[in-house]
Amino acid sequence: MTRWPLPDPMREALKLAQEAEQAGEVPVGAVVTRNGAIIGRGRNVTRVRHDPTGHAEIVAIREAARLSGSERLTDCEIWVTLEPCAMCAGAISHARLAKLYYAAQDPKGGAVAHGARVFDHPQCLHRPDVYPGLGEAEAGLLLRSFFAARR
């Protein structure tokens, strides 16, 4: 596992990913922070809510925006257990989140370092600072275990 302590927001995101797994969802969790305090939490809820947009990042961003009273989260950071897909990367850009931390890479569905590479496009409205790999071992193990149990 990680050789150094994970920051509290990533530990909380991993806890949310475990909750998603217990509910039968793909184990992804996300939190939005402002000045170190968590202002939005989310876990995948696509199956339980019958909502294809129910990704952890979207849920966390919606809660943070609601609590902030603004759709702009320029002074916030998002912590996610899996590299965001194109939809979530687009939402991160539209919310103007300052930083993105993600744990496991997603060569198949990710759109930050893989696939669409949303933030690299000239049409991208806002590019957060991106920090990959924080908690990668923990998140990767959770995801591999989840999918292995279903094969």
N, C-alpha and C. Protein backbone atom coordinates (compact mmCIF):
# COMPACT_ATOMS: atom_id res chain seq x y z
N MET A 1 0.84 -1.19 0.00
CA MET A 1 0.00 0.00 0.00
C MET A 1 0.88 1.26 0.00
N THR A 2 0.27 2.40 0.20
CA THR A 2 1.00 3.66 0.20
C THR A 2 2.01 3.71 1.33
N ARG A 3 3.18 4.26 1.04
CA ARG A 3 4.25 4.32 2.03
C ARG A 3 4.16 5.55 2.93
N TRP A 4 3.23 6.40 2.70
CA TRP A 4 3.06 7.60 3.52
C TRP A 4 1.57 7.77 3.80
N PRO A 5 1.24 8.50 4.83
CA PRO A 5 -0.19 8.65 5.16
C PRO A 5 -0.93 9.41 4.06
N LEU A 6 -2.09 8.93 3.73
CA LEU A 6 -2.93 9.62 2.75
C LEU A 6 -3.57 10.84 3.40
N PRO A 7 -3.73 11.91 2.66
CA PRO A 7 -4.46 13.07 3.19
C PRO A 7 -5.90 12.68 3.53
N ASP A 8 -6.47 13.33 4.51
CA ASP A 8 -7.83 13.04 4.94
C ASP A 8 -8.85 13.03 3.80
N PRO A 9 -8.80 13.99 2.86
CA PRO A 9 -9.81 13.95 1.79
C PRO A 9 -9.75 12.67 0.95
N MET A 10 -8.56 12.16 0.67
CA MET A 10 -8.48 10.93 -0.12
C MET A 10 -8.92 9.73 0.71
N ARG A 11 -8.63 9.74 2.00
CA ARG A 11 -9.14 8.66 2.86
C ARG A 11 -10.66 8.67 2.87
N GLU A 12 -11.27 9.83 2.93
CA GLU A 12 -12.73 9.94 2.91
C GLU A 12 -13.27 9.47 1.55
N ALA A 13 -12.61 9.83 0.47
CA ALA A 13 -13.04 9.37 -0.86
C ALA A 13 -12.98 7.85 -0.95
N LEU A 14 -11.93 7.25 -0.39
CA LEU A 14 -11.82 5.79 -0.39
C LEU A 14 -12.93 5.15 0.45
N LYS A 15 -13.28 5.79 1.56
CA LYS A 15 -14.38 5.29 2.40
C LYS A 15 -15.69 5.34 1.61
N LEU A 16 -15.91 6.40 0.87
CA LEU A 16 -17.11 6.53 0.04
C LEU A 16 -17.11 5.48 -1.07
N ALA A 17 -15.94 5.18 -1.62
CA ALA A 17 -15.84 4.13 -2.64
C ALA A 17 -16.24 2.78 -2.07
N GLN A 18 -15.84 2.52 -0.84
CA GLN A 18 -16.23 1.26 -0.18
C GLN A 18 -17.73 1.20 0.03
N GLU A 19 -18.33 2.34 0.38
CA GLU A 19 -19.79 2.39 0.55
C GLU A 19 -20.49 2.11 -0.78
N ALA A 20 -19.92 2.65 -1.87
CA ALA A 20 -20.49 2.40 -3.20
C ALA A 20 -20.44 0.90 -3.51
N GLU A 21 -19.32 0.28 -3.22
CA GLU A 21 -19.18 -1.16 -3.46
C GLU A 21 -20.21 -1.95 -2.67
N GLN A 22 -20.42 -1.58 -1.42
CA GLN A 22 -21.39 -2.29 -0.58
C GLN A 22 -22.81 -2.16 -1.12
N ALA A 23 -23.06 -1.09 -1.87
CA ALA A 23 -24.37 -0.88 -2.48
C ALA A 23 -24.47 -1.51 -3.87
N GLY A 24 -23.39 -2.20 -4.30
CA GLY A 24 -23.40 -2.84 -5.61
C GLY A 24 -22.97 -1.94 -6.74
N GLU A 25 -22.45 -0.78 -6.41
CA GLU A 25 -21.97 0.18 -7.41
C GLU A 25 -20.48 -0.03 -7.66
N VAL A 26 -19.99 0.45 -8.80
CA VAL A 26 -18.56 0.47 -9.04
C VAL A 26 -17.95 1.35 -7.94
N PRO A 27 -16.92 0.86 -7.24
CA PRO A 27 -16.40 1.57 -6.06
C PRO A 27 -15.57 2.81 -6.39
N VAL A 28 -16.27 3.91 -6.57
CA VAL A 28 -15.62 5.20 -6.79
C VAL A 28 -16.20 6.19 -5.79
N GLY A 29 -15.32 6.96 -5.17
CA GLY A 29 -15.73 8.00 -4.23
C GLY A 29 -15.04 9.30 -4.55
N ALA A 30 -15.65 10.41 -4.15
CA ALA A 30 -15.08 11.73 -4.41
C ALA A 30 -15.48 12.70 -3.30
N VAL A 31 -14.60 13.64 -3.02
CA VAL A 31 -14.92 14.73 -2.11
C VAL A 31 -14.41 16.03 -2.71
N VAL A 32 -15.11 17.11 -2.39
CA VAL A 32 -14.69 18.45 -2.76
C VAL A 32 -14.32 19.16 -1.46
N THR A 33 -13.15 19.82 -1.48
CA THR A 33 -12.70 20.54 -0.30
C THR A 33 -12.51 22.02 -0.61
N ARG A 34 -12.68 22.81 0.44
CA ARG A 34 -12.36 24.25 0.40
C ARG A 34 -11.57 24.54 1.66
N ASN A 35 -10.38 25.06 1.51
CA ASN A 35 -9.51 25.36 2.65
C ASN A 35 -9.34 24.15 3.57
N GLY A 36 -9.25 22.97 2.99
CA GLY A 36 -9.04 21.75 3.75
C GLY A 36 -10.29 21.11 4.34
N ALA A 37 -11.42 21.79 4.28
CA ALA A 37 -12.68 21.25 4.82
C ALA A 37 -13.49 20.63 3.70
N ILE A 38 -14.08 19.48 3.95
CA ILE A 38 -14.92 18.80 2.96
C ILE A 38 -16.27 19.51 2.88
N ILE A 39 -16.62 19.93 1.66
CA ILE A 39 -17.90 20.61 1.45
C ILE A 39 -18.82 19.84 0.50
N GLY A 40 -18.30 18.76 -0.05
CA GLY A 40 -19.11 17.92 -0.94
C GLY A 40 -18.60 16.49 -0.92
N ARG A 41 -19.52 15.55 -0.81
CA ARG A 41 -19.17 14.13 -0.82
C ARG A 41 -20.00 13.44 -1.89
N GLY A 42 -19.39 12.42 -2.51
CA GLY A 42 -20.14 11.65 -3.50
C GLY A 42 -19.57 10.26 -3.66
N ARG A 43 -20.45 9.36 -4.01
CA ARG A 43 -20.05 8.01 -4.39
C ARG A 43 -20.91 7.62 -5.57
N ASN A 44 -20.46 6.66 -6.35
CA ASN A 44 -21.25 6.24 -7.49
C ASN A 44 -22.64 5.80 -7.05
N VAL A 45 -23.66 6.30 -7.74
CA VAL A 45 -25.05 5.95 -7.45
C VAL A 45 -25.82 5.70 -8.75
N THR A 46 -25.13 5.32 -9.80
CA THR A 46 -25.79 5.15 -11.09
C THR A 46 -26.84 4.06 -11.07
N ARG A 47 -26.55 2.96 -10.36
CA ARG A 47 -27.49 1.83 -10.33
C ARG A 47 -28.62 2.06 -9.34
N VAL A 48 -28.30 2.52 -8.15
CA VAL A 48 -29.35 2.69 -7.14
C VAL A 48 -30.31 3.82 -7.50
N ARG A 49 -29.85 4.81 -8.23
CA ARG A 49 -30.72 5.93 -8.63
C ARG A 49 -31.20 5.82 -10.07
N HIS A 50 -30.73 4.78 -10.78
CA HIS A 50 -31.07 4.64 -12.21
C HIS A 50 -30.72 5.94 -12.94
N ASP A 51 -29.50 6.41 -12.71
CA ASP A 51 -29.05 7.71 -13.21
C ASP A 51 -27.66 7.58 -13.82
N PRO A 52 -27.55 7.63 -15.14
CA PRO A 52 -26.24 7.50 -15.77
C PRO A 52 -25.28 8.64 -15.42
N THR A 53 -25.79 9.74 -14.89
CA THR A 53 -24.92 10.84 -14.48
C THR A 53 -24.55 10.74 -13.00
N GLY A 54 -24.92 9.68 -12.33
CA GLY A 54 -24.69 9.53 -10.89
C GLY A 54 -23.27 9.10 -10.54
N HIS A 55 -22.29 9.69 -11.19
CA HIS A 55 -20.90 9.41 -10.87
C HIS A 55 -20.50 10.16 -9.60
N ALA A 56 -19.54 9.61 -8.88
CA ALA A 56 -19.11 10.18 -7.60
C ALA A 56 -18.75 11.66 -7.72
N GLU A 57 -18.02 12.01 -8.77
CA GLU A 57 -17.59 13.40 -8.94
C GLU A 57 -18.78 14.34 -9.11
N ILE A 58 -19.76 13.92 -9.92
CA ILE A 58 -20.94 14.76 -10.17
C ILE A 58 -21.71 14.96 -8.87
N VAL A 59 -21.88 13.89 -8.11
CA VAL A 59 -22.62 13.98 -6.85
C VAL A 59 -21.90 14.94 -5.89
N ALA A 60 -20.58 14.81 -5.78
CA ALA A 60 -19.80 15.67 -4.88
C ALA A 60 -19.83 17.13 -5.33
N ILE A 61 -19.70 17.36 -6.64
CA ILE A 61 -19.72 18.73 -7.17
C ILE A 61 -21.09 19.37 -6.94
N ARG A 62 -22.15 18.62 -7.17
CA ARG A 62 -23.50 19.17 -6.95
C ARG A 62 -23.70 19.58 -5.50
N GLU A 63 -23.25 18.73 -4.56
CA GLU A 63 -23.41 19.08 -3.15
C GLU A 63 -22.58 20.30 -2.79
N ALA A 64 -21.34 20.36 -3.27
CA ALA A 64 -20.47 21.51 -2.96
C ALA A 64 -21.04 22.81 -3.54
N ALA A 65 -21.55 22.74 -4.75
CA ALA A 65 -22.13 23.94 -5.38
C ALA A 65 -23.36 24.40 -4.62
N ARG A 66 -24.20 23.43 -4.23
CA ARG A 66 -25.41 23.77 -3.47
C ARG A 66 -25.05 24.43 -2.15
N LEU A 67 -24.10 23.83 -1.42
CA LEU A 67 -23.72 24.39 -0.12
C LEU A 67 -23.00 25.73 -0.27
N SER A 68 -22.30 25.92 -1.38
CA SER A 68 -21.58 27.17 -1.62
C SER A 68 -22.49 28.27 -2.14
N GLY A 69 -23.61 27.88 -2.70
CA GLY A 69 -24.50 28.86 -3.30
C GLY A 69 -23.96 29.39 -4.62
N SER A 70 -23.10 28.60 -5.27
CA SER A 70 -22.51 29.03 -6.54
C SER A 70 -22.11 27.82 -7.37
N GLU A 71 -22.25 27.95 -8.68
CA GLU A 71 -21.79 26.89 -9.57
C GLU A 71 -20.28 26.96 -9.82
N ARG A 72 -19.66 28.03 -9.39
CA ARG A 72 -18.21 28.21 -9.53
C ARG A 72 -17.53 27.82 -8.23
N LEU A 73 -16.64 26.84 -8.33
CA LEU A 73 -15.91 26.34 -7.16
C LEU A 73 -14.42 26.62 -7.34
N THR A 74 -14.11 27.86 -7.69
CA THR A 74 -12.74 28.23 -8.07
C THR A 74 -11.72 28.06 -6.96
N ASP A 75 -12.13 28.11 -5.73
CA ASP A 75 -11.21 27.98 -4.61
C ASP A 75 -11.28 26.59 -3.98
N CYS A 76 -11.74 25.62 -4.75
CA CYS A 76 -11.93 24.26 -4.24
C CYS A 76 -11.07 23.24 -4.97
N GLU A 77 -10.95 22.08 -4.33
CA GLU A 77 -10.22 20.95 -4.89
C GLU A 77 -11.14 19.74 -4.90
N ILE A 78 -10.92 18.83 -5.84
CA ILE A 78 -11.68 17.57 -5.86
C ILE A 78 -10.70 16.42 -5.75
N TRP A 79 -11.09 15.44 -4.93
CA TRP A 79 -10.30 14.25 -4.64
C TRP A 79 -11.13 13.05 -5.07
N VAL A 80 -10.61 12.24 -6.00
CA VAL A 80 -11.37 11.14 -6.58
C VAL A 80 -10.54 9.87 -6.56
N THR A 81 -11.19 8.74 -6.37
CA THR A 81 -10.46 7.47 -6.29
C THR A 81 -10.12 6.88 -7.65
N LEU A 82 -10.70 7.41 -8.73
CA LEU A 82 -10.44 6.91 -10.08
C LEU A 82 -10.35 8.09 -11.04
N GLU A 83 -9.47 7.97 -12.01
CA GLU A 83 -9.33 9.01 -13.04
C GLU A 83 -10.71 9.33 -13.63
N PRO A 84 -11.10 10.60 -13.65
CA PRO A 84 -12.42 10.97 -14.15
C PRO A 84 -12.63 10.63 -15.62
N CYS A 85 -13.88 10.28 -15.94
CA CYS A 85 -14.30 10.06 -17.33
C CYS A 85 -14.50 11.43 -18.00
N ALA A 86 -14.86 11.41 -19.28
CA ALA A 86 -15.04 12.66 -20.01
C ALA A 86 -16.16 13.52 -19.41
N MET A 87 -17.26 12.89 -19.01
CA MET A 87 -18.37 13.65 -18.42
C MET A 87 -17.92 14.35 -17.15
N CYS A 88 -17.22 13.62 -16.29
CA CYS A 88 -16.79 14.18 -15.01
C CYS A 88 -15.69 15.21 -15.19
N ALA A 89 -14.78 14.97 -16.12
CA ALA A 89 -13.74 15.97 -16.40
C ALA A 89 -14.38 17.25 -16.91
N GLY A 90 -15.42 17.13 -17.74
CA GLY A 90 -16.15 18.30 -18.20
C GLY A 90 -16.80 19.05 -17.06
N ALA A 91 -17.40 18.32 -16.13
CA ALA A 91 -18.03 18.96 -14.96
C ALA A 91 -16.99 19.66 -14.10
N ILE A 92 -15.83 19.03 -13.92
CA ILE A 92 -14.74 19.64 -13.14
C ILE A 92 -14.32 20.96 -13.79
N SER A 93 -14.21 20.95 -15.11
CA SER A 93 -13.84 22.16 -15.84
C SER A 93 -14.92 23.23 -15.70
N HIS A 94 -16.17 22.86 -15.91
CA HIS A 94 -17.27 23.84 -15.81
C HIS A 94 -17.40 24.41 -14.41
N ALA A 95 -17.11 23.62 -13.39
CA ALA A 95 -17.18 24.10 -12.01
C ALA A 95 -15.97 24.96 -11.65
N ARG A 96 -14.98 24.96 -12.52
CA ARG A 96 -13.74 25.74 -12.31
C ARG A 96 -12.97 25.31 -11.06
N LEU A 97 -13.02 24.00 -10.76
CA LEU A 97 -12.26 23.50 -9.61
C LEU A 97 -10.77 23.76 -9.82
N ALA A 98 -10.10 24.22 -8.78
CA ALA A 98 -8.69 24.61 -8.90
C ALA A 98 -7.76 23.42 -9.06
N LYS A 99 -8.04 22.33 -8.33
CA LYS A 99 -7.14 21.17 -8.35
C LYS A 99 -7.94 19.88 -8.40
N LEU A 100 -7.35 18.90 -9.08
CA LEU A 100 -7.90 17.55 -9.16
C LEU A 100 -6.83 16.58 -8.67
N TYR A 101 -7.18 15.81 -7.66
CA TYR A 101 -6.33 14.72 -7.17
C TYR A 101 -7.08 13.43 -7.48
N TYR A 102 -6.43 12.49 -8.14
CA TYR A 102 -7.08 11.20 -8.34
C TYR A 102 -6.12 10.07 -8.05
N ALA A 103 -6.69 8.94 -7.64
CA ALA A 103 -5.89 7.80 -7.19
C ALA A 103 -5.52 6.90 -8.37
N ALA A 104 -6.40 5.99 -8.75
CA ALA A 104 -6.10 5.00 -9.79
C ALA A 104 -6.30 5.58 -11.18
N GLN A 105 -5.42 5.19 -12.08
CA GLN A 105 -5.59 5.55 -13.48
C GLN A 105 -6.64 4.64 -14.10
N ASP A 106 -7.28 5.14 -15.16
CA ASP A 106 -8.30 4.37 -15.85
C ASP A 106 -8.03 4.41 -17.36
N PRO A 107 -7.16 3.52 -17.85
CA PRO A 107 -6.83 3.52 -19.27
C PRO A 107 -8.04 3.28 -20.17
N LYS A 108 -9.06 2.58 -19.67
CA LYS A 108 -10.23 2.26 -20.48
C LYS A 108 -11.24 3.42 -20.54
N GLY A 109 -11.56 4.01 -19.40
CA GLY A 109 -12.62 5.02 -19.36
C GLY A 109 -12.19 6.39 -18.91
N GLY A 110 -10.94 6.53 -18.48
CA GLY A 110 -10.47 7.82 -18.01
C GLY A 110 -10.31 8.82 -19.15
N ALA A 111 -10.42 10.10 -18.83
CA ALA A 111 -10.34 11.13 -19.86
C ALA A 111 -9.47 12.30 -19.43
N VAL A 112 -8.56 12.05 -18.48
CA VAL A 112 -7.61 13.08 -18.05
C VAL A 112 -6.24 12.75 -18.62
N ALA A 113 -5.69 11.60 -18.25
CA ALA A 113 -4.40 11.15 -18.78
C ALA A 113 -4.57 10.16 -19.93
N HIS A 114 -5.78 9.68 -20.14
CA HIS A 114 -6.08 8.69 -21.16
C HIS A 114 -7.24 9.17 -22.03
N GLY A 115 -7.53 8.42 -23.07
CA GLY A 115 -8.71 8.67 -23.89
C GLY A 115 -8.82 10.09 -24.39
N ALA A 116 -9.91 10.74 -24.08
CA ALA A 116 -10.23 12.07 -24.60
C ALA A 116 -9.29 13.17 -24.12
N ARG A 117 -8.65 12.97 -22.98
CA ARG A 117 -7.74 13.99 -22.41
C ARG A 117 -8.40 15.38 -22.45
N VAL A 118 -9.51 15.47 -21.80
CA VAL A 118 -10.38 16.65 -21.86
C VAL A 118 -9.64 17.95 -21.58
N PHE A 119 -8.77 17.97 -20.60
CA PHE A 119 -8.11 19.22 -20.22
C PHE A 119 -7.06 19.67 -21.24
N ASP A 120 -6.67 18.79 -22.15
CA ASP A 120 -5.67 19.13 -23.17
C ASP A 120 -6.28 19.83 -24.38
N HIS A 121 -7.60 19.80 -24.52
CA HIS A 121 -8.24 20.39 -25.70
C HIS A 121 -8.26 21.91 -25.63
N PRO A 122 -8.02 22.57 -26.74
CA PRO A 122 -8.07 24.04 -26.75
C PRO A 122 -9.45 24.59 -26.36
N GLN A 123 -10.51 23.78 -26.58
CA GLN A 123 -11.86 24.22 -26.25
C GLN A 123 -12.17 24.11 -24.76
N CYS A 124 -11.30 23.50 -23.99
CA CYS A 124 -11.53 23.32 -22.56
C CYS A 124 -11.60 24.70 -21.88
N LEU A 125 -12.67 24.94 -21.16
CA LEU A 125 -12.90 26.23 -20.53
C LEU A 125 -11.96 26.53 -19.37
N HIS A 126 -11.57 25.49 -18.65
CA HIS A 126 -10.73 25.66 -17.46
C HIS A 126 -9.95 24.37 -17.26
N ARG A 127 -8.68 24.50 -16.90
CA ARG A 127 -7.82 23.35 -16.64
C ARG A 127 -7.36 23.38 -15.19
N PRO A 128 -7.80 22.42 -14.39
CA PRO A 128 -7.32 22.38 -13.01
C PRO A 128 -5.89 21.87 -12.97
N ASP A 129 -5.20 22.14 -11.90
CA ASP A 129 -3.92 21.47 -11.65
C ASP A 129 -4.26 20.02 -11.34
N VAL A 130 -3.54 19.08 -11.95
CA VAL A 130 -3.86 17.65 -11.81
C VAL A 130 -2.74 16.93 -11.08
N TYR A 131 -3.13 16.13 -10.09
CA TYR A 131 -2.19 15.35 -9.28
C TYR A 131 -2.65 13.89 -9.27
N PRO A 132 -2.10 13.05 -10.15
CA PRO A 132 -2.52 11.64 -10.21
C PRO A 132 -1.74 10.76 -9.23
N GLY A 133 -2.32 9.60 -8.93
CA GLY A 133 -1.61 8.55 -8.22
C GLY A 133 -1.67 8.57 -6.71
N LEU A 134 -2.33 9.52 -6.11
CA LEU A 134 -2.40 9.60 -4.65
C LEU A 134 -3.43 8.60 -4.13
N GLY A 135 -2.96 7.53 -3.51
CA GLY A 135 -3.85 6.46 -3.06
C GLY A 135 -4.12 5.43 -4.14
N GLU A 136 -3.27 5.40 -5.15
CA GLU A 136 -3.48 4.50 -6.30
C GLU A 136 -3.54 3.03 -5.89
N ALA A 137 -2.66 2.61 -4.99
CA ALA A 137 -2.63 1.20 -4.57
C ALA A 137 -3.95 0.81 -3.91
N GLU A 138 -4.44 1.64 -3.01
CA GLU A 138 -5.67 1.34 -2.28
C GLU A 138 -6.88 1.32 -3.21
N ALA A 139 -6.98 2.32 -4.05
CA ALA A 139 -8.11 2.40 -4.97
C ALA A 139 -8.05 1.28 -6.01
N GLY A 140 -6.86 1.00 -6.50
CA GLY A 140 -6.70 -0.06 -7.49
C GLY A 140 -7.10 -1.42 -6.94
N LEU A 141 -6.71 -1.70 -5.71
CA LEU A 141 -7.07 -2.96 -5.08
C LEU A 141 -8.59 -3.08 -4.93
N LEU A 142 -9.22 -2.02 -4.51
CA LEU A 142 -10.68 -2.01 -4.34
C LEU A 142 -11.37 -2.28 -5.69
N LEU A 143 -10.91 -1.62 -6.73
CA LEU A 143 -11.52 -1.79 -8.05
C LEU A 143 -11.26 -3.19 -8.61
N ARG A 144 -10.03 -3.68 -8.51
CA ARG A 144 -9.72 -5.02 -9.01
C ARG A 144 -10.54 -6.08 -8.29
N SER A 145 -10.68 -5.96 -6.98
CA SER A 145 -11.47 -6.92 -6.20
C SER A 145 -12.93 -6.89 -6.63
N PHE A 146 -13.46 -5.70 -6.84
CA PHE A 146 -14.85 -5.55 -7.24
C PHE A 146 -15.11 -6.25 -8.57
N PHE A 147 -14.26 -5.97 -9.57
CA PHE A 147 -14.49 -6.56 -10.89
C PHE A 147 -14.15 -8.04 -10.93
N ALA A 148 -13.17 -8.49 -10.16
CA ALA A 148 -12.84 -9.92 -10.11
C ALA A 148 -14.01 -10.73 -9.56
N ALA A 149 -14.73 -10.18 -8.61
CA ALA A 149 -15.88 -10.87 -8.01
C ALA A 149 -17.04 -11.00 -8.99
N ARG A 150 -17.05 -10.20 -10.03
CA ARG A 150 -18.15 -10.21 -10.99
C ARG A 150 -17.83 -10.97 -12.26
N ARG A 151 -16.63 -11.49 -12.37
CA ARG A 151 -16.24 -12.23 -13.58
C ARG A 151 -16.42 -13.69 -13.41
